[in-house]
N, C-alpha and C. Protein backbone atom coordinates (compact mmCIF):
# COMPACT_ATOMS: atom_id res chain seq x y z
N MET A 1 0.70 -1.08 0.00
CA MET A 1 -0.09 0.02 0.02
C MET A 1 0.95 1.40 0.12
N LYS A 2 0.34 2.14 -0.70
CA LYS A 2 1.18 3.54 -0.84
C LYS A 2 0.66 4.64 -0.14
N LYS A 3 1.36 5.14 0.97
CA LYS A 3 0.94 6.44 1.59
C LYS A 3 0.62 7.62 0.80
N ASN A 4 -0.30 8.20 1.28
CA ASN A 4 -0.67 9.77 0.58
C ASN A 4 -0.09 10.73 1.35
N ALA A 5 0.95 11.54 0.65
CA ALA A 5 1.92 12.79 1.51
C ALA A 5 1.14 13.89 1.18
N GLY A 6 -0.10 14.12 0.55
CA GLY A 6 -0.38 15.58 0.56
C GLY A 6 -1.60 15.57 1.56
N PHE A 7 -2.31 16.94 1.33
CA PHE A 7 -3.30 17.24 2.26
C PHE A 7 -4.51 17.15 1.59
N THR A 8 -5.69 16.86 2.35
CA THR A 8 -6.91 16.79 1.68
C THR A 8 -7.72 18.14 1.32
N LEU A 9 -8.41 18.22 0.51
CA LEU A 9 -9.19 19.61 -0.04
C LEU A 9 -9.68 20.13 1.20
N LEU A 10 -10.50 19.33 2.22
CA LEU A 10 -10.88 19.71 3.29
C LEU A 10 -9.90 20.73 4.25
N GLU A 11 -8.74 19.93 4.39
CA GLU A 11 -7.62 20.47 5.33
C GLU A 11 -7.22 21.80 4.52
N VAL A 12 -7.10 22.04 3.40
CA VAL A 12 -6.70 23.32 2.71
C VAL A 12 -7.71 24.24 2.72
N LEU A 13 -8.78 23.75 2.68
CA LEU A 13 -10.10 24.96 2.81
C LEU A 13 -10.01 25.54 4.26
N VAL A 14 -9.89 24.49 5.14
CA VAL A 14 -9.94 25.09 6.49
C VAL A 14 -8.65 25.83 6.85
N SER A 15 -7.53 25.56 6.53
CA SER A 15 -6.22 26.49 6.65
C SER A 15 -6.48 27.78 5.87
N LEU A 16 -7.10 27.61 4.89
CA LEU A 16 -7.32 29.08 4.37
C LEU A 16 -8.38 29.92 4.80
N ILE A 17 -9.27 29.40 5.50
CA ILE A 17 -10.32 30.07 6.10
C ILE A 17 -9.68 30.73 7.27
N ILE A 18 -8.93 29.81 8.24
CA ILE A 18 -8.14 30.47 9.30
C ILE A 18 -7.12 31.42 8.88
N LEU A 19 -6.50 31.45 7.85
CA LEU A 19 -5.35 32.24 7.38
C LEU A 19 -5.97 33.62 6.85
N ALA A 20 -7.35 33.52 6.10
CA ALA A 20 -8.07 34.64 6.08
C ALA A 20 -8.77 35.41 6.89
N GLY A 21 -9.18 34.70 8.21
CA GLY A 21 -9.81 35.31 9.40
C GLY A 21 -8.82 36.11 9.87
N SER A 22 -7.48 35.50 10.14
CA SER A 22 -6.36 35.95 10.75
C SER A 22 -5.75 37.43 9.94
N ILE A 23 -5.85 37.31 8.75
CA ILE A 23 -5.35 38.69 7.81
C ILE A 23 -6.26 39.73 8.19
N ILE A 24 -7.60 39.18 8.00
CA ILE A 24 -8.70 40.19 8.16
C ILE A 24 -8.52 40.97 9.53
N ALA A 25 -8.61 40.16 10.80
CA ALA A 25 -8.21 40.63 12.03
C ALA A 25 -6.91 41.42 12.13
N LEU A 26 -5.95 41.07 11.59
CA LEU A 26 -4.72 42.08 11.66
C LEU A 26 -4.98 43.24 10.79
N ASN A 27 -5.69 43.20 9.69
CA ASN A 27 -5.91 44.42 8.80
C ASN A 27 -6.60 45.37 9.70
N MET A 28 -7.67 45.03 10.41
CA MET A 28 -8.37 45.81 11.29
C MET A 28 -7.81 46.40 12.47
N ALA A 29 -6.94 45.53 13.14
CA ALA A 29 -6.21 46.11 13.97
C ALA A 29 -5.25 47.15 13.39
N TRP A 30 -4.62 47.02 12.49
CA TRP A 30 -3.65 47.90 11.90
C TRP A 30 -4.42 49.29 11.49
N GLY A 31 -5.51 49.21 10.83
CA GLY A 31 -6.47 50.28 10.50
C GLY A 31 -6.88 51.03 11.80
N GLY A 32 -7.31 50.55 12.82
CA GLY A 32 -7.45 51.09 14.15
C GLY A 32 -6.40 51.85 14.57
N ASN A 33 -5.22 51.25 14.77
CA ASN A 33 -4.17 51.57 15.18
C ASN A 33 -3.74 53.07 14.24
N PHE A 34 -3.91 53.10 13.06
CA PHE A 34 -3.40 54.30 12.28
C PHE A 34 -4.63 55.21 12.46
N LEU A 35 -5.71 55.03 12.74
CA LEU A 35 -6.77 56.12 13.20
C LEU A 35 -6.34 56.52 14.69
N ARG A 36 -5.99 55.67 15.46
CA ARG A 36 -5.62 56.06 16.93
C ARG A 36 -4.26 57.03 16.75
N LEU A 37 -3.21 56.61 16.01
CA LEU A 37 -2.19 57.56 15.94
C LEU A 37 -2.50 58.82 15.11
N ARG A 38 -3.40 58.86 14.17
CA ARG A 38 -3.80 60.20 13.84
C ARG A 38 -4.60 61.15 14.65
N LYS A 39 -5.32 60.55 15.48
CA LYS A 39 -6.04 61.32 16.59
C LYS A 39 -4.89 61.71 17.58
N ALA A 40 -4.26 60.89 18.03
CA ALA A 40 -3.32 61.33 18.90
C ALA A 40 -2.46 62.49 18.33
N ASN A 41 -1.92 62.49 17.28
CA ASN A 41 -1.21 63.31 16.59
C ASN A 41 -2.00 64.75 16.32
N MET A 42 -3.23 64.59 16.06
CA MET A 42 -4.02 65.81 15.99
C MET A 42 -4.10 66.36 17.54
N TYR A 43 -4.45 65.71 18.55
CA TYR A 43 -4.63 66.17 19.81
C TYR A 43 -3.19 66.88 20.52
N ASN A 44 -2.33 66.04 20.17
CA ASN A 44 -1.06 66.68 20.54
C ASN A 44 -0.93 67.90 19.87
N ASN A 45 -0.85 68.19 18.45
CA ASN A 45 -0.87 69.47 17.81
C ASN A 45 -1.95 70.53 18.44
N VAL A 46 -3.06 70.13 18.87
CA VAL A 46 -4.17 71.11 19.27
C VAL A 46 -3.46 71.64 20.71
N ALA A 47 -2.95 70.60 21.38
CA ALA A 47 -2.83 70.76 22.91
C ALA A 47 -1.46 71.90 22.94
N THR A 48 -0.34 71.56 21.87
CA THR A 48 0.61 72.48 21.59
C THR A 48 0.19 73.79 21.16
N LEU A 49 -0.58 73.86 20.33
CA LEU A 49 -1.26 75.07 19.66
C LEU A 49 -1.81 76.09 20.72
N LEU A 50 -2.61 75.28 21.39
CA LEU A 50 -3.51 75.97 22.44
C LEU A 50 -2.70 76.70 23.48
N GLU A 51 -1.61 75.87 23.88
CA GLU A 51 -0.71 76.44 24.97
C GLU A 51 0.10 77.51 24.54
N ARG A 52 0.61 77.18 23.27
CA ARG A 52 1.32 78.43 22.52
C ARG A 52 0.53 79.74 22.54
N LYS A 53 -0.78 79.65 21.96
CA LYS A 53 -1.64 80.90 21.65
C LYS A 53 -1.87 81.29 23.06
N MET A 54 -2.29 80.55 23.98
CA MET A 54 -2.65 81.07 25.43
C MET A 54 -1.40 82.13 25.89
N ALA A 55 -0.38 81.33 25.84
CA ALA A 55 0.88 82.17 26.29
C ALA A 55 1.27 83.51 25.34
N GLU A 56 1.03 83.54 24.31
CA GLU A 56 1.12 84.45 23.37
C GLU A 56 -0.11 85.81 23.83
N VAL A 57 -1.16 85.18 24.18
CA VAL A 57 -2.03 86.15 24.49
C VAL A 57 -1.85 86.82 26.01
N GLU A 58 -1.41 85.74 26.88
CA GLU A 58 -1.07 86.36 28.28
C GLU A 58 0.27 87.43 28.16
N ALA A 59 1.17 87.05 27.37
CA ALA A 59 2.33 87.87 27.18
C ALA A 59 2.00 89.40 26.60
N LYS A 60 1.00 89.22 25.64
CA LYS A 60 0.43 90.50 24.96
C LYS A 60 -0.37 91.51 25.90
N TYR A 61 -1.05 90.93 26.68
CA TYR A 61 -1.82 91.57 27.42
C TYR A 61 -1.94 91.76 28.89
N LYS A 62 -0.48 91.17 29.36
CA LYS A 62 -0.12 91.11 30.68
C LYS A 62 0.24 92.54 31.19
N ASP A 63 -0.10 93.08 32.16
CA ASP A 63 -0.01 94.44 32.84
C ASP A 63 -0.51 95.50 31.91
N LYS A 64 -1.58 95.39 31.24
CA LYS A 64 -2.16 96.43 30.51
C LYS A 64 -3.59 96.30 31.01
N PRO A 65 -4.19 97.52 30.74
CA PRO A 65 -5.66 97.77 31.22
C PRO A 65 -6.51 96.65 30.55
N LEU A 66 -7.69 96.17 31.26
CA LEU A 66 -8.46 95.19 30.50
C LEU A 66 -9.30 95.87 29.20
N SER A 67 -9.32 96.94 29.28
CA SER A 67 -9.93 97.63 27.85
C SER A 67 -9.29 97.47 26.90
N GLU A 68 -7.76 97.22 26.67
CA GLU A 68 -6.99 96.92 25.72
C GLU A 68 -7.18 95.61 25.14
N ILE A 69 -7.65 94.78 25.85
CA ILE A 69 -8.17 93.37 25.25
C ILE A 69 -9.40 93.46 24.31
N PRO A 70 -9.18 93.19 22.77
CA PRO A 70 -9.99 93.01 22.00
C PRO A 70 -11.25 92.05 22.31
N GLU A 71 -12.45 92.44 21.77
CA GLU A 71 -13.46 91.43 22.19
C GLU A 71 -13.53 90.14 21.33
N GLU A 72 -12.56 90.33 19.97
CA GLU A 72 -12.61 89.12 19.13
C GLU A 72 -11.37 89.47 18.33
N GLU A 73 -10.47 88.17 18.02
CA GLU A 73 -9.16 88.18 17.20
C GLU A 73 -9.32 87.01 16.58
N SER A 74 -8.67 86.73 15.32
CA SER A 74 -8.68 85.40 14.83
C SER A 74 -7.57 85.43 13.96
N GLY A 75 -6.95 84.15 13.55
CA GLY A 75 -5.84 83.91 12.56
C GLY A 75 -5.77 82.59 12.34
N ASP A 76 -4.69 82.19 11.63
CA ASP A 76 -4.32 80.97 11.63
C ASP A 76 -2.68 80.48 11.90
N PHE A 77 -2.44 79.50 11.41
CA PHE A 77 -0.95 79.16 11.98
C PHE A 77 -0.10 79.05 10.58
N GLU A 78 -0.73 79.79 9.41
CA GLU A 78 0.15 79.89 8.24
C GLU A 78 0.42 78.34 7.68
N ASN A 79 1.67 78.31 7.22
CA ASN A 79 2.23 77.05 6.62
C ASN A 79 2.54 75.99 7.58
N ASP A 80 2.80 76.21 8.64
CA ASP A 80 3.40 75.16 9.91
C ASP A 80 2.04 74.30 9.98
N TYR A 81 0.79 74.66 10.08
CA TYR A 81 -0.39 73.98 10.35
C TYR A 81 -1.63 74.44 9.74
N PRO A 82 -1.48 73.99 8.24
CA PRO A 82 -2.64 74.65 7.57
C PRO A 82 -4.10 74.20 7.61
N GLN A 83 -4.22 73.16 8.40
CA GLN A 83 -5.56 72.81 8.73
C GLN A 83 -6.20 73.47 10.23
N TYR A 84 -5.39 74.20 10.76
CA TYR A 84 -5.67 74.66 12.10
C TYR A 84 -5.88 76.23 11.93
N ARG A 85 -6.78 76.73 12.65
CA ARG A 85 -7.02 78.25 12.71
C ARG A 85 -7.40 78.35 14.23
N TRP A 86 -7.42 79.74 14.78
CA TRP A 86 -7.77 80.06 16.08
C TRP A 86 -8.54 81.28 16.03
N THR A 87 -9.24 81.39 17.09
CA THR A 87 -10.07 82.74 17.50
C THR A 87 -9.73 83.11 18.95
N MET A 88 -9.88 84.02 19.22
CA MET A 88 -9.82 84.59 20.71
C MET A 88 -10.97 85.59 20.86
N GLN A 89 -11.88 85.22 21.98
CA GLN A 89 -12.87 86.09 22.36
C GLN A 89 -12.80 86.36 23.85
N SER A 90 -13.17 87.79 24.25
CA SER A 90 -12.97 88.12 25.44
C SER A 90 -14.51 88.75 26.00
N ARG A 91 -14.76 88.67 27.23
CA ARG A 91 -16.03 89.33 27.71
C ARG A 91 -15.52 89.56 29.16
N GLU A 92 -16.63 90.55 29.61
CA GLU A 92 -16.73 90.80 31.02
C GLU A 92 -17.18 89.70 31.58
N VAL A 93 -16.83 89.60 32.87
CA VAL A 93 -17.19 88.60 33.89
C VAL A 93 -18.23 89.19 34.79
N GLU A 94 -19.37 88.34 34.87
CA GLU A 94 -20.65 88.96 35.61
C GLU A 94 -20.60 87.75 36.66
N PHE A 95 -20.58 88.40 37.90
CA PHE A 95 -21.03 87.48 39.21
C PHE A 95 -22.47 87.92 39.38
N PRO A 96 -22.85 86.86 39.99
CA PRO A 96 -24.37 86.90 40.39
C PRO A 96 -24.49 88.06 41.52
N ASP A 97 -25.71 88.31 41.65
CA ASP A 97 -25.94 89.18 42.69
C ASP A 97 -26.51 88.28 44.00
N LEU A 98 -25.57 88.37 45.01
CA LEU A 98 -26.08 87.25 46.24
C LEU A 98 -27.07 87.86 47.29
N THR A 99 -27.15 89.09 47.19
CA THR A 99 -27.93 89.71 48.25
C THR A 99 -29.53 89.07 48.28
N PRO A 100 -30.02 88.79 47.40
CA PRO A 100 -31.42 88.21 47.56
C PRO A 100 -31.14 86.97 48.41
N LEU A 101 -30.20 86.20 48.66
CA LEU A 101 -29.98 85.05 49.38
C LEU A 101 -29.79 85.52 50.92
N LEU A 102 -29.15 86.59 51.20
CA LEU A 102 -29.00 87.01 52.40
C LEU A 102 -30.36 87.66 53.02
N VAL A 103 -31.21 88.30 52.16
CA VAL A 103 -32.27 88.85 52.64
C VAL A 103 -33.42 87.87 52.79
N ALA A 104 -33.31 86.82 51.98
CA ALA A 104 -34.32 85.72 52.15
C ALA A 104 -34.11 84.87 53.59
N GLN A 105 -32.97 85.04 54.29
CA GLN A 105 -32.98 84.31 55.25
C GLN A 105 -33.84 84.82 56.50
N GLU A 106 -34.16 84.02 57.55
CA GLU A 106 -35.00 84.31 58.69
C GLU A 106 -34.61 85.62 59.20
N ASP A 107 -33.43 85.47 59.62
CA ASP A 107 -32.91 86.65 60.48
C ASP A 107 -32.84 87.95 59.85
N GLY A 108 -32.78 87.61 58.34
CA GLY A 108 -32.52 88.87 57.54
C GLY A 108 -30.94 88.95 57.47
N ALA A 109 -30.51 90.05 56.82
CA ALA A 109 -29.02 90.35 56.78
C ALA A 109 -28.76 91.98 57.13
N PRO A 110 -27.74 91.98 57.93
CA PRO A 110 -27.39 93.71 58.10
C PRO A 110 -27.21 94.42 56.87
N GLU A 111 -27.66 95.53 56.84
CA GLU A 111 -27.43 96.25 55.88
C GLU A 111 -25.93 96.48 55.35
N THR A 112 -25.24 96.69 56.34
CA THR A 112 -23.73 96.82 56.14
C THR A 112 -23.20 95.49 55.36
N LEU A 113 -23.79 94.18 55.66
CA LEU A 113 -23.23 93.12 54.92
C LEU A 113 -23.83 93.07 53.63
N ILE A 114 -24.95 93.63 53.39
CA ILE A 114 -25.50 93.56 51.91
C ILE A 114 -24.76 94.76 51.15
N SER A 115 -24.59 95.66 51.69
CA SER A 115 -23.86 97.08 50.98
C SER A 115 -22.27 96.26 50.47
N MET A 116 -21.75 95.56 51.67
CA MET A 116 -20.23 95.23 51.30
C MET A 116 -20.52 94.05 50.06
N ILE A 117 -21.38 93.28 50.23
CA ILE A 117 -21.32 92.24 49.14
C ILE A 117 -21.78 92.89 47.67
N LYS A 118 -22.67 93.77 47.78
CA LYS A 118 -22.97 94.55 46.44
C LYS A 118 -21.40 95.05 46.01
N GLN A 119 -20.96 95.85 46.74
CA GLN A 119 -19.51 96.66 46.36
C GLN A 119 -18.61 95.58 46.02
N MET A 120 -18.59 94.56 46.54
CA MET A 120 -17.50 93.39 46.05
C MET A 120 -18.02 92.84 44.67
N THR A 121 -19.08 92.67 44.64
CA THR A 121 -19.56 92.03 43.22
C THR A 121 -19.33 92.95 42.10
N GLU A 122 -19.61 94.33 42.39
CA GLU A 122 -19.42 95.59 41.33
C GLU A 122 -18.06 95.56 41.09
N TYR A 123 -17.21 95.35 42.15
CA TYR A 123 -15.79 95.46 42.03
C TYR A 123 -15.06 94.42 41.05
N LEU A 124 -15.57 93.08 41.45
CA LEU A 124 -15.14 91.83 40.86
C LEU A 124 -15.51 92.12 39.37
N ASN A 125 -16.70 92.43 39.18
CA ASN A 125 -17.16 92.35 37.71
C ASN A 125 -16.43 93.57 37.03
N ARG A 126 -15.73 94.51 37.30
CA ARG A 126 -14.94 95.70 36.74
C ARG A 126 -13.61 94.99 36.58
N VAL A 127 -13.04 94.05 37.57
CA VAL A 127 -11.64 93.89 37.47
C VAL A 127 -11.25 92.64 36.77
N ILE A 128 -12.06 91.72 36.22
CA ILE A 128 -11.78 90.56 35.81
C ILE A 128 -12.46 90.48 34.48
N LYS A 129 -11.70 90.02 33.53
CA LYS A 129 -12.13 89.81 32.22
C LYS A 129 -11.73 88.19 31.54
N GLU A 130 -12.75 87.56 30.92
CA GLU A 130 -12.34 86.12 30.58
C GLU A 130 -12.00 86.32 29.19
N VAL A 131 -11.04 85.54 29.15
CA VAL A 131 -10.56 85.25 27.65
C VAL A 131 -10.41 84.02 27.10
N LYS A 132 -11.13 83.59 26.06
CA LYS A 132 -11.30 82.16 25.67
C LYS A 132 -10.62 82.10 24.27
N VAL A 133 -9.71 81.21 24.25
CA VAL A 133 -8.89 80.72 22.83
C VAL A 133 -9.51 79.56 22.58
N THR A 134 -9.88 79.26 21.28
CA THR A 134 -10.28 78.07 20.38
C THR A 134 -9.44 78.00 19.27
N ILE A 135 -9.29 76.55 19.35
CA ILE A 135 -8.46 76.11 18.16
C ILE A 135 -9.52 75.17 17.33
N TYR A 136 -9.74 75.57 16.08
CA TYR A 136 -10.40 74.91 15.07
C TYR A 136 -9.50 73.85 14.12
N VAL A 137 -9.96 72.56 13.97
CA VAL A 137 -9.14 71.89 13.06
C VAL A 137 -10.14 71.27 11.85
N SER A 138 -9.50 71.37 10.96
CA SER A 138 -10.53 70.87 9.79
C SER A 138 -9.88 69.28 9.49
N SER A 139 -10.74 68.56 9.60
CA SER A 139 -10.46 67.00 9.25
C SER A 139 -11.48 66.38 8.76
N ARG A 140 -11.26 65.78 7.41
CA ARG A 140 -12.26 64.98 6.88
C ARG A 140 -13.70 65.82 6.79
N GLY A 141 -13.53 67.00 6.19
CA GLY A 141 -14.75 67.71 5.98
C GLY A 141 -15.48 68.44 7.08
N LYS A 142 -15.10 68.04 8.44
CA LYS A 142 -15.55 68.63 9.55
C LYS A 142 -14.63 69.48 10.29
N GLU A 143 -14.96 70.51 10.99
CA GLU A 143 -14.50 71.35 11.77
C GLU A 143 -14.59 70.83 13.28
N VAL A 144 -13.49 70.55 13.76
CA VAL A 144 -13.59 70.21 15.34
C VAL A 144 -12.91 71.54 16.15
N GLU A 145 -13.52 71.81 17.21
CA GLU A 145 -12.90 72.61 17.99
C GLU A 145 -12.64 72.37 19.47
N PHE A 146 -11.48 73.13 19.99
CA PHE A 146 -10.79 72.62 21.20
C PHE A 146 -10.66 74.14 22.00
N SER A 147 -10.93 74.47 23.21
CA SER A 147 -10.90 75.77 23.88
C SER A 147 -10.17 75.56 25.01
N ALA A 148 -9.59 76.78 25.58
CA ALA A 148 -9.10 76.99 26.81
C ALA A 148 -9.47 78.35 27.16
N THR A 149 -9.70 78.64 28.57
CA THR A 149 -10.28 79.79 29.03
C THR A 149 -9.20 80.45 30.06
N GLN A 150 -8.98 81.73 30.22
CA GLN A 150 -7.94 82.25 31.07
C GLN A 150 -8.64 83.45 31.63
N TYR A 151 -8.41 83.92 32.89
CA TYR A 151 -9.12 85.20 33.46
C TYR A 151 -7.96 86.07 33.62
N PHE A 152 -8.07 87.29 33.26
CA PHE A 152 -7.21 88.31 33.33
C PHE A 152 -7.70 89.18 34.56
N VAL A 153 -6.95 89.78 35.51
CA VAL A 153 -7.25 90.48 36.60
C VAL A 153 -6.59 91.80 36.47
N ASP A 154 -7.25 92.85 36.72
CA ASP A 154 -6.71 94.39 36.72
C ASP A 154 -6.45 94.57 38.23
N TYR A 155 -5.21 94.37 38.72
CA TYR A 155 -4.88 94.64 40.06
C TYR A 155 -4.43 95.97 40.29
N THR A 156 -4.57 96.93 39.47
CA THR A 156 -4.27 98.19 39.39
C THR A 156 -5.46 99.14 39.80
N ARG A 157 -6.81 98.49 39.58
CA ARG A 157 -7.91 99.32 40.04
C ARG A 157 -7.95 99.51 41.37
N ASP A 158 -8.39 100.63 41.83
CA ASP A 158 -8.72 100.91 43.42
C ASP A 158 -9.75 100.38 43.75
N PHE A 159 -9.78 99.50 44.68
CA PHE A 159 -11.24 99.01 45.58
C PHE A 159 -11.97 100.24 46.20
N ALA A 160 -11.19 101.38 46.79
CA ALA A 160 -11.95 102.21 47.35
C ALA A 160 -12.78 103.11 46.52
N GLY A 161 -12.21 103.27 45.25
CA GLY A 161 -12.96 104.24 44.13
C GLY A 161 -14.07 103.29 43.79
N ALA A 162 -13.90 102.02 43.56
CA ALA A 162 -15.18 101.42 43.12
C ALA A 162 -16.24 101.36 44.38
N ALA A 163 -15.80 101.28 45.54
CA ALA A 163 -16.82 101.40 46.75
C ALA A 163 -17.59 102.68 46.82
N ALA A 164 -16.72 103.60 46.48
CA ALA A 164 -17.46 104.97 46.48
C ALA A 164 -18.23 105.28 45.42
N SER A 165 -17.91 104.74 44.00
CA SER A 165 -18.64 105.00 43.09
C SER A 165 -20.01 103.84 43.15
N GLY A 166 -20.06 102.88 43.84
CA GLY A 166 -20.99 102.18 43.79
C GLY A 166 -22.01 102.61 45.03
N ALA A 167 -21.39 103.52 45.88
CA ALA A 167 -22.44 103.85 47.08
C ALA A 167 -23.58 104.67 46.77
N GLY A 168 -23.78 105.21 45.24
CA GLY A 168 -24.92 105.83 44.91
C GLY A 168 -24.82 107.26 45.40
N PRO A 169 -25.91 108.07 45.27
CA PRO A 169 -25.82 109.41 45.64
C PRO A 169 -25.83 109.85 46.75
């Protein structure tokens, strides 16, 4: 009797199915890794650009009156990062009026405390400005935005002047 040294058709088909399945799984894993690498690169670029732009804004308006900070600015990163652009928006900070909470208490609140809280709120509203920098990334026809916010405080403003001007007639 002669021994058959080859594989049967069924064994070859099973091995091809296993090989095809492993190639598909490997391809999906590589594709997912490339997508994760692209996203990680984009997030790294955004973090770097956002940090750089926030540092530029801080250096540009540090030790200047809050009135010199424009309400809006925008630009791009030129040839270095063509799919990225930025905007800067500033706005006055408005603290809520807390005096109704004090008045609503059972004992009420002393007039001096209410007056002090009103003056402090008015003062803080004048000396703090919120600056928000947003980085926009164009990717696959969509634009994604990432933002960071910073608060500028004008330490040169006199509190006594604010208290006197808020006291009324």
